[in-house]
């Protein structure tokens, strides 16, 4: 075999490896985009619930227990760890646990990763 043949073989190997790497990176990117779509679908409506929470702390609105629990579940599924910690801190800061007696440290500890 001549040097030309070796160059062709090495070139073909690099092309095939590049093709697999490109395919892997594209798949990873598509999964990340889909995850972001699901995350935004859930977390954007959560802003309304957070505003209701804030208003309830100021005494303007009553808290809906089911809505808060749903918000917490959505955050567990789709939010990052730091966002979930902020939500837990927000709930504890507002003394929502003592006021409403529906969200205690024990269930939060069981639900958080």
C-alpha atoms as a PDB file:
ATOM      1  CA  UNK A   1       0.000   0.000   0.000  1.00  0.00           C
ATOM      2  CA  UNK A   2       1.161   3.421  -0.873  1.00  0.00           C
ATOM      3  CA  UNK A   3       1.021   6.568   1.213  1.00  0.00           C
ATOM      4  CA  UNK A   4      -1.983   7.740  -0.874  1.00  0.00           C
ATOM      5  CA  UNK A   5      -3.965   4.711   0.275  1.00  0.00           C
ATOM      6  CA  UNK A   6      -3.131   5.362   3.923  1.00  0.00           C
ATOM      7  CA  UNK A   7      -4.188   8.978   3.596  1.00  0.00           C
ATOM      8  CA  UNK A   8      -7.538   7.876   2.112  1.00  0.00           C
ATOM      9  CA  UNK A   9      -8.115   5.365   4.939  1.00  0.00           C
ATOM     10  CA  UNK A  10      -7.249   7.874   7.672  1.00  0.00           C
ATOM     11  CA  UNK A  11      -9.443  10.515   6.036  1.00  0.00           C
ATOM     12  CA  UNK A  12     -12.379   8.087   5.877  1.00  0.00           C
ATOM     13  CA  UNK A  13     -11.916   7.172   9.556  1.00  0.00           C
ATOM     14  CA  UNK A  14     -11.918  10.861  10.553  1.00  0.00           C
ATOM     15  CA  UNK A  15     -15.051  11.495   8.499  1.00  0.00           C
ATOM     16  CA  UNK A  16     -16.893   8.581  10.134  1.00  0.00           C
ATOM     17  CA  UNK A  17     -15.795   9.617  13.636  1.00  0.00           C
ATOM     18  CA  UNK A  18     -16.859  13.213  12.917  1.00  0.00           C
ATOM     19  CA  UNK A  19     -20.220  11.990  11.685  1.00  0.00           C
ATOM     20  CA  UNK A  20     -20.871  10.053  14.922  1.00  0.00           C
ATOM     21  CA  UNK A  21     -19.713  12.928  17.136  1.00  0.00           C
ATOM     22  CA  UNK A  22     -21.909  15.380  15.231  1.00  0.00           C
ATOM     23  CA  UNK A  23     -24.905  13.043  15.536  1.00  0.00           C
ATOM     24  CA  UNK A  24     -24.342  12.652  19.292  1.00  0.00           C
ATOM     25  CA  UNK A  25     -24.025  16.412  19.861  1.00  0.00           C
ATOM     26  CA  UNK A  26     -27.127  17.180  17.764  1.00  0.00           C
ATOM     27  CA  UNK A  27     -29.168  14.639  19.737  1.00  0.00           C
ATOM     28  CA  UNK A  28     -27.966  16.114  23.014  1.00  0.00           C
ATOM     29  CA  UNK A  29     -28.947  19.594  21.802  1.00  0.00           C
ATOM     30  CA  UNK A  30     -32.426  18.457  20.732  1.00  0.00           C
ATOM     31  CA  UNK A  31     -33.059  16.806  24.105  1.00  0.00           C
ATOM     32  CA  UNK A  32     -31.969  19.994  25.893  1.00  0.00           C
ATOM     33  CA  UNK A  33     -34.340  22.085  23.737  1.00  0.00           C
ATOM     34  CA  UNK A  34     -37.258  19.746  24.431  1.00  0.00           C
ATOM     35  CA  UNK A  35     -36.498  19.802  28.167  1.00  0.00           C
ATOM     36  CA  UNK A  36     -36.498  23.602  28.064  1.00  0.00           C
ATOM     37  CA  UNK A  37     -39.866  23.603  26.270  1.00  0.00           C
ATOM     38  CA  UNK A  38     -41.431  21.414  28.974  1.00  0.00           C
ATOM     39  CA  UNK A  39     -39.803  23.459  31.708  1.00  0.00           C
ATOM     40  CA  UNK A  40     -41.079  26.769  30.358  1.00  0.00           C
ATOM     41  CA  UNK A  41     -44.543  25.298  29.841  1.00  0.00           C
ATOM     42  CA  UNK A  42     -44.764  24.549  33.557  1.00  0.00           C
ATOM     43  CA  UNK A  43     -42.725  27.275  35.210  1.00  0.00           C
ATOM     44  CA  UNK A  44     -44.172  30.318  33.425  1.00  0.00           C
ATOM     45  CA  UNK A  45     -47.718  29.706  34.770  1.00  0.00           C
ATOM     46  CA  UNK A  46     -46.132  29.220  38.196  1.00  0.00           C
ATOM     47  CA  UNK A  47     -45.440  32.945  38.300  1.00  0.00           C
ATOM     48  CA  UNK A  48     -49.167  33.580  38.805  1.00  0.00           C
ATOM     49  CA  UNK A  49     -49.189  31.209  41.775  1.00  0.00           C
ATOM     50  CA  UNK A  50     -46.127  32.914  43.239  1.00  0.00           C
ATOM     51  CA  UNK A  51     -47.893  36.274  42.928  1.00  0.00           C
ATOM     52  CA  UNK A  52     -50.907  34.841  44.759  1.00  0.00           C
ATOM     53  CA  UNK A  53     -48.527  33.590  47.437  1.00  0.00           C
ATOM     54  CA  UNK A  54     -47.023  37.056  47.782  1.00  0.00           C
ATOM     55  CA  UNK A  55     -50.469  38.665  47.981  1.00  0.00           C
ATOM     56  CA  UNK A  56     -51.522  36.166  50.629  1.00  0.00           C
ATOM     57  CA  UNK A  57     -48.514  37.138  52.726  1.00  0.00           C
ATOM     58  CA  UNK A  58     -49.689  40.737  52.519  1.00  0.00           C
ATOM     59  CA  UNK A  59     -53.216  39.672  53.511  1.00  0.00           C
ATOM     60  CA  UNK A  60     -54.780  40.523  50.150  1.00  0.00           C
ATOM     61  CA  UNK A  61     -55.708  36.982  49.070  1.00  0.00           C
ATOM     62  CA  UNK A  62     -56.292  33.587  50.608  1.00  0.00           C
ATOM     63  CA  UNK A  63     -53.946  30.722  49.841  1.00  0.00           C
ATOM     64  CA  UNK A  64     -55.271  27.764  47.916  1.00  0.00           C
ATOM     65  CA  UNK A  65     -53.656  24.664  49.422  1.00  0.00           C
ATOM     66  CA  UNK A  66     -53.928  22.585  46.252  1.00  0.00           C
ATOM     67  CA  UNK A  67     -52.397  25.310  44.134  1.00  0.00           C
ATOM     68  CA  UNK A  68     -49.355  25.594  46.398  1.00  0.00           C
ATOM     69  CA  UNK A  69     -48.855  21.832  46.460  1.00  0.00           C
ATOM     70  CA  UNK A  70     -49.146  21.707  42.655  1.00  0.00           C
ATOM     71  CA  UNK A  71     -46.592  24.519  42.400  1.00  0.00           C
ATOM     72  CA  UNK A  72     -44.214  22.599  44.648  1.00  0.00           C
ATOM     73  CA  UNK A  73     -44.651  19.414  42.592  1.00  0.00           C
ATOM     74  CA  UNK A  74     -44.034  21.261  39.326  1.00  0.00           C
ATOM     75  CA  UNK A  75     -40.908  22.816  40.747  1.00  0.00           C
ATOM     76  CA  UNK A  76     -39.667  19.400  41.839  1.00  0.00           C
ATOM     77  CA  UNK A  77     -40.143  17.979  38.371  1.00  0.00           C
ATOM     78  CA  UNK A  78     -38.914  20.816  36.193  1.00  0.00           C
ATOM     79  CA  UNK A  79     -36.985  23.368  38.246  1.00  0.00           C
ATOM     80  CA  UNK A  80     -33.321  23.370  39.064  1.00  0.00           C
ATOM     81  CA  UNK A  81     -32.185  22.583  42.586  1.00  0.00           C
ATOM     82  CA  UNK A  82     -31.474  26.228  43.396  1.00  0.00           C
ATOM     83  CA  UNK A  83     -34.960  27.270  42.228  1.00  0.00           C
ATOM     84  CA  UNK A  84     -36.546  24.587  44.402  1.00  0.00           C
ATOM     85  CA  UNK A  85     -34.515  25.782  47.394  1.00  0.00           C
ATOM     86  CA  UNK A  86     -35.701  29.346  46.759  1.00  0.00           C
ATOM     87  CA  UNK A  87     -39.329  28.188  46.676  1.00  0.00           C
ATOM     88  CA  UNK A  88     -38.880  26.294  49.951  1.00  0.00           C
ATOM     89  CA  UNK A  89     -37.213  29.343  51.496  1.00  0.00           C
ATOM     90  CA  UNK A  90     -40.084  31.531  50.246  1.00  0.00           C
ATOM     91  CA  UNK A  91     -42.637  29.202  51.838  1.00  0.00           C
ATOM     92  CA  UNK A  92     -40.732  29.092  55.127  1.00  0.00           C
ATOM     93  CA  UNK A  93     -40.092  32.858  55.157  1.00  0.00           C
ATOM     94  CA  UNK A  94     -43.798  33.571  54.771  1.00  0.00           C
ATOM     95  CA  UNK A  95     -44.589  31.275  57.708  1.00  0.00           C
ATOM     96  CA  UNK A  96     -47.039  29.536  55.426  1.00  0.00           C
ATOM     97  CA  UNK A  97     -46.422  26.302  57.254  1.00  0.00           C
ATOM     98  CA  UNK A  98     -47.580  27.681  60.594  1.00  0.00           C
ATOM     99  CA  UNK A  99     -50.423  29.783  59.140  1.00  0.00           C
ATOM    100  CA  UNK A 100     -52.061  27.034  57.136  1.00  0.00           C
ATOM    101  CA  UNK A 101     -50.709  23.857  58.669  1.00  0.00           C
ATOM    102  CA  UNK A 102     -50.597  22.090  55.311  1.00  0.00           C
ATOM    103  CA  UNK A 103     -46.922  22.197  54.428  1.00  0.00           C
ATOM    104  CA  UNK A 104     -44.550  21.056  57.145  1.00  0.00           C
ATOM    105  CA  UNK A 105     -40.841  20.371  57.193  1.00  0.00           C
ATOM    106  CA  UNK A 106     -41.419  16.637  57.178  1.00  0.00           C
ATOM    107  CA  UNK A 107     -43.294  16.388  53.840  1.00  0.00           C
ATOM    108  CA  UNK A 108     -40.910  18.910  52.287  1.00  0.00           C
ATOM    109  CA  UNK A 109     -37.960  16.802  53.375  1.00  0.00           C
ATOM    110  CA  UNK A 110     -39.560  13.714  51.844  1.00  0.00           C
ATOM    111  CA  UNK A 111     -40.328  15.466  48.561  1.00  0.00           C
ATOM    112  CA  UNK A 112     -37.083  17.292  47.963  1.00  0.00           C
ATOM    113  CA  UNK A 113     -34.255  15.346  46.318  1.00  0.00           C
END
